[in-house]
C-alpha atoms as a PDB file:
ATOM      1  CA  UNK A   1      43.283  62.470-119.262  1.00  0.00           C
ATOM      2  CA  UNK A   2      39.702  61.619-120.174  1.00  0.00           C
ATOM      3  CA  UNK A   3      38.837  58.304-121.763  1.00  0.00           C
ATOM      4  CA  UNK A   4      36.632  60.067-124.318  1.00  0.00           C
ATOM      5  CA  UNK A   5      37.962  63.505-125.313  1.00  0.00           C
ATOM      6  CA  UNK A   6      35.548  66.361-125.889  1.00  0.00           C
ATOM      7  CA  UNK A   7      35.963  66.460-129.701  1.00  0.00           C
ATOM      8  CA  UNK A   8      34.407  62.984-129.967  1.00  0.00           C
ATOM      9  CA  UNK A   9      31.488  64.055-127.759  1.00  0.00           C
ATOM     10  CA  UNK A  10      31.084  67.263-129.771  1.00  0.00           C
ATOM     11  CA  UNK A  11      31.116  65.280-133.009  1.00  0.00           C
ATOM     12  CA  UNK A  12      28.414  62.916-131.754  1.00  0.00           C
ATOM     13  CA  UNK A  13      26.266  65.755-130.445  1.00  0.00           C
ATOM     14  CA  UNK A  14      26.762  67.716-133.664  1.00  0.00           C
ATOM     15  CA  UNK A  15      25.694  64.752-135.783  1.00  0.00           C
ATOM     16  CA  UNK A  16      22.551  64.314-133.665  1.00  0.00           C
ATOM     17  CA  UNK A  17      21.716  67.999-134.076  1.00  0.00           C
ATOM     18  CA  UNK A  18      22.386  67.834-137.822  1.00  0.00           C
ATOM     19  CA  UNK A  19      20.124  64.800-138.277  1.00  0.00           C
ATOM     20  CA  UNK A  20      17.441  66.535-136.223  1.00  0.00           C
ATOM     21  CA  UNK A  21      17.640  69.650-138.379  1.00  0.00           C
ATOM     22  CA  UNK A  22      17.579  67.674-141.599  1.00  0.00           C
ATOM     23  CA  UNK A  23      14.642  65.626-140.339  1.00  0.00           C
ATOM     24  CA  UNK A  24      12.680  68.802-139.654  1.00  0.00           C
ATOM     25  CA  UNK A  25      12.983  69.932-143.260  1.00  0.00           C
ATOM     26  CA  UNK A  26      15.660  72.580-142.795  1.00  0.00           C
ATOM     27  CA  UNK A  27      16.983  72.132-146.343  1.00  0.00           C
ATOM     28  CA  UNK A  28      13.594  72.513-148.013  1.00  0.00           C
ATOM     29  CA  UNK A  29      11.663  75.663-148.800  1.00  0.00           C
ATOM     30  CA  UNK A  30      10.498  77.733-145.809  1.00  0.00           C
ATOM     31  CA  UNK A  31       6.922  76.508-146.257  1.00  0.00           C
ATOM     32  CA  UNK A  32       8.005  72.920-145.556  1.00  0.00           C
ATOM     33  CA  UNK A  33       9.702  73.596-142.189  1.00  0.00           C
ATOM     34  CA  UNK A  34       8.239  71.458-139.418  1.00  0.00           C
ATOM     35  CA  UNK A  35       9.567  73.832-136.740  1.00  0.00           C
ATOM     36  CA  UNK A  36       9.524  77.642-136.559  1.00  0.00           C
ATOM     37  CA  UNK A  37      12.430  79.355-138.294  1.00  0.00           C
ATOM     38  CA  UNK A  38      13.762  80.870-135.071  1.00  0.00           C
ATOM     39  CA  UNK A  39      13.857  77.436-133.440  1.00  0.00           C
ATOM     40  CA  UNK A  40      15.776  76.026-136.398  1.00  0.00           C
ATOM     41  CA  UNK A  41      18.245  78.910-136.221  1.00  0.00           C
ATOM     42  CA  UNK A  42      18.815  78.474-132.467  1.00  0.00           C
ATOM     43  CA  UNK A  43      19.349  74.716-132.788  1.00  0.00           C
ATOM     44  CA  UNK A  44      21.679  75.321-135.738  1.00  0.00           C
ATOM     45  CA  UNK A  45      23.655  77.884-133.741  1.00  0.00           C
ATOM     46  CA  UNK A  46      24.005  75.438-130.859  1.00  0.00           C
ATOM     47  CA  UNK A  47      25.348  72.794-133.239  1.00  0.00           C
ATOM     48  CA  UNK A  48      27.780  75.284-134.743  1.00  0.00           C
ATOM     49  CA  UNK A  49      29.194  76.358-131.393  1.00  0.00           C
ATOM     50  CA  UNK A  50      29.512  72.814-130.043  1.00  0.00           C
ATOM     51  CA  UNK A  51      31.364  71.554-133.109  1.00  0.00           C
ATOM     52  CA  UNK A  52      33.530  74.679-133.451  1.00  0.00           C
ATOM     53  CA  UNK A  53      34.587  74.378-129.805  1.00  0.00           C
ATOM     54  CA  UNK A  54      35.183  70.653-130.328  1.00  0.00           C
ATOM     55  CA  UNK A  55      37.489  71.419-133.256  1.00  0.00           C
ATOM     56  CA  UNK A  56      39.339  74.062-131.241  1.00  0.00           C
ATOM     57  CA  UNK A  57      39.790  71.829-128.204  1.00  0.00           C
ATOM     58  CA  UNK A  58      40.978  69.002-130.437  1.00  0.00           C
ATOM     59  CA  UNK A  59      43.546  71.174-132.210  1.00  0.00           C
ATOM     60  CA  UNK A  60      44.771  72.499-128.871  1.00  0.00           C
ATOM     61  CA  UNK A  61      45.092  68.962-127.490  1.00  0.00           C
ATOM     62  CA  UNK A  62      46.973  67.874-130.604  1.00  0.00           C
ATOM     63  CA  UNK A  63      49.413  70.748-130.249  1.00  0.00           C
ATOM     64  CA  UNK A  64      50.099  69.979-126.587  1.00  0.00           C
ATOM     65  CA  UNK A  65      50.059  66.171-126.546  1.00  0.00           C
ATOM     66  CA  UNK A  66      51.510  65.289-129.903  1.00  0.00           C
ATOM     67  CA  UNK A  67      50.318  63.036-132.674  1.00  0.00           C
ATOM     68  CA  UNK A  68      47.070  61.163-132.069  1.00  0.00           C
ATOM     69  CA  UNK A  69      45.266  60.071-135.252  1.00  0.00           C
ATOM     70  CA  UNK A  70      41.864  59.537-133.621  1.00  0.00           C
ATOM     71  CA  UNK A  71      41.836  63.000-132.134  1.00  0.00           C
ATOM     72  CA  UNK A  72      42.946  64.470-135.460  1.00  0.00           C
ATOM     73  CA  UNK A  73      40.066  62.716-137.202  1.00  0.00           C
ATOM     74  CA  UNK A  74      37.537  63.997-134.658  1.00  0.00           C
ATOM     75  CA  UNK A  75      38.919  67.540-134.885  1.00  0.00           C
ATOM     76  CA  UNK A  76      38.731  67.610-138.676  1.00  0.00           C
ATOM     77  CA  UNK A  77      35.206  66.169-138.634  1.00  0.00           C
ATOM     78  CA  UNK A  78      34.114  68.786-136.071  1.00  0.00           C
ATOM     79  CA  UNK A  79      35.584  71.548-138.234  1.00  0.00           C
ATOM     80  CA  UNK A  80      33.772  70.294-141.333  1.00  0.00           C
ATOM     81  CA  UNK A  81      30.515  69.947-139.430  1.00  0.00           C
ATOM     82  CA  UNK A  82      30.900  73.485-138.034  1.00  0.00           C
ATOM     83  CA  UNK A  83      31.316  74.765-141.594  1.00  0.00           C
ATOM     84  CA  UNK A  84      28.179  72.852-142.620  1.00  0.00           C
ATOM     85  CA  UNK A  85      26.242  74.416-139.732  1.00  0.00           C
ATOM     86  CA  UNK A  86      27.467  77.858-140.801  1.00  0.00           C
ATOM     87  CA  UNK A  87      26.261  77.225-144.360  1.00  0.00           C
ATOM     88  CA  UNK A  88      22.899  75.921-143.128  1.00  0.00           C
ATOM     89  CA  UNK A  89      22.484  78.934-140.831  1.00  0.00           C
ATOM     90  CA  UNK A  90      22.995  81.287-143.755  1.00  0.00           C
ATOM     91  CA  UNK A  91      20.445  79.298-145.774  1.00  0.00           C
ATOM     92  CA  UNK A  92      17.897  79.368-142.939  1.00  0.00           C
ATOM     93  CA  UNK A  93      18.180  83.097-142.307  1.00  0.00           C
ATOM     94  CA  UNK A  94      15.173  84.930-143.798  1.00  0.00           C
ATOM     95  CA  UNK A  95      16.392  86.694-146.898  1.00  0.00           C
ATOM     96  CA  UNK A  96      19.628  84.676-146.800  1.00  0.00           C
ATOM     97  CA  UNK A  97      21.490  84.032-149.989  1.00  0.00           C
ATOM     98  CA  UNK A  98      22.448  80.893-151.858  1.00  0.00           C
ATOM     99  CA  UNK A  99      25.950  79.979-152.910  1.00  0.00           C
END
């Protein structure tokens, strides 16, 4: 088995993507974006897929290998980050709605 399972790598990559998106003004009004909207959406989608796959791989590994608290923590964090990317993607979409 790997020394560093994929969910931990996905979590780290997802956090880097999230900080990059937040640093580019993705939560502000569209006039304050420092990158084009399509670029923000593509980067957000990449972060969503990486963290969603990380959560899925982690859950699958937990079901096959048994109880491992570190892997459970990484899987839950990846799932929460994937939900945050989904929310941010809806917010970034032109004409998107607010919750």
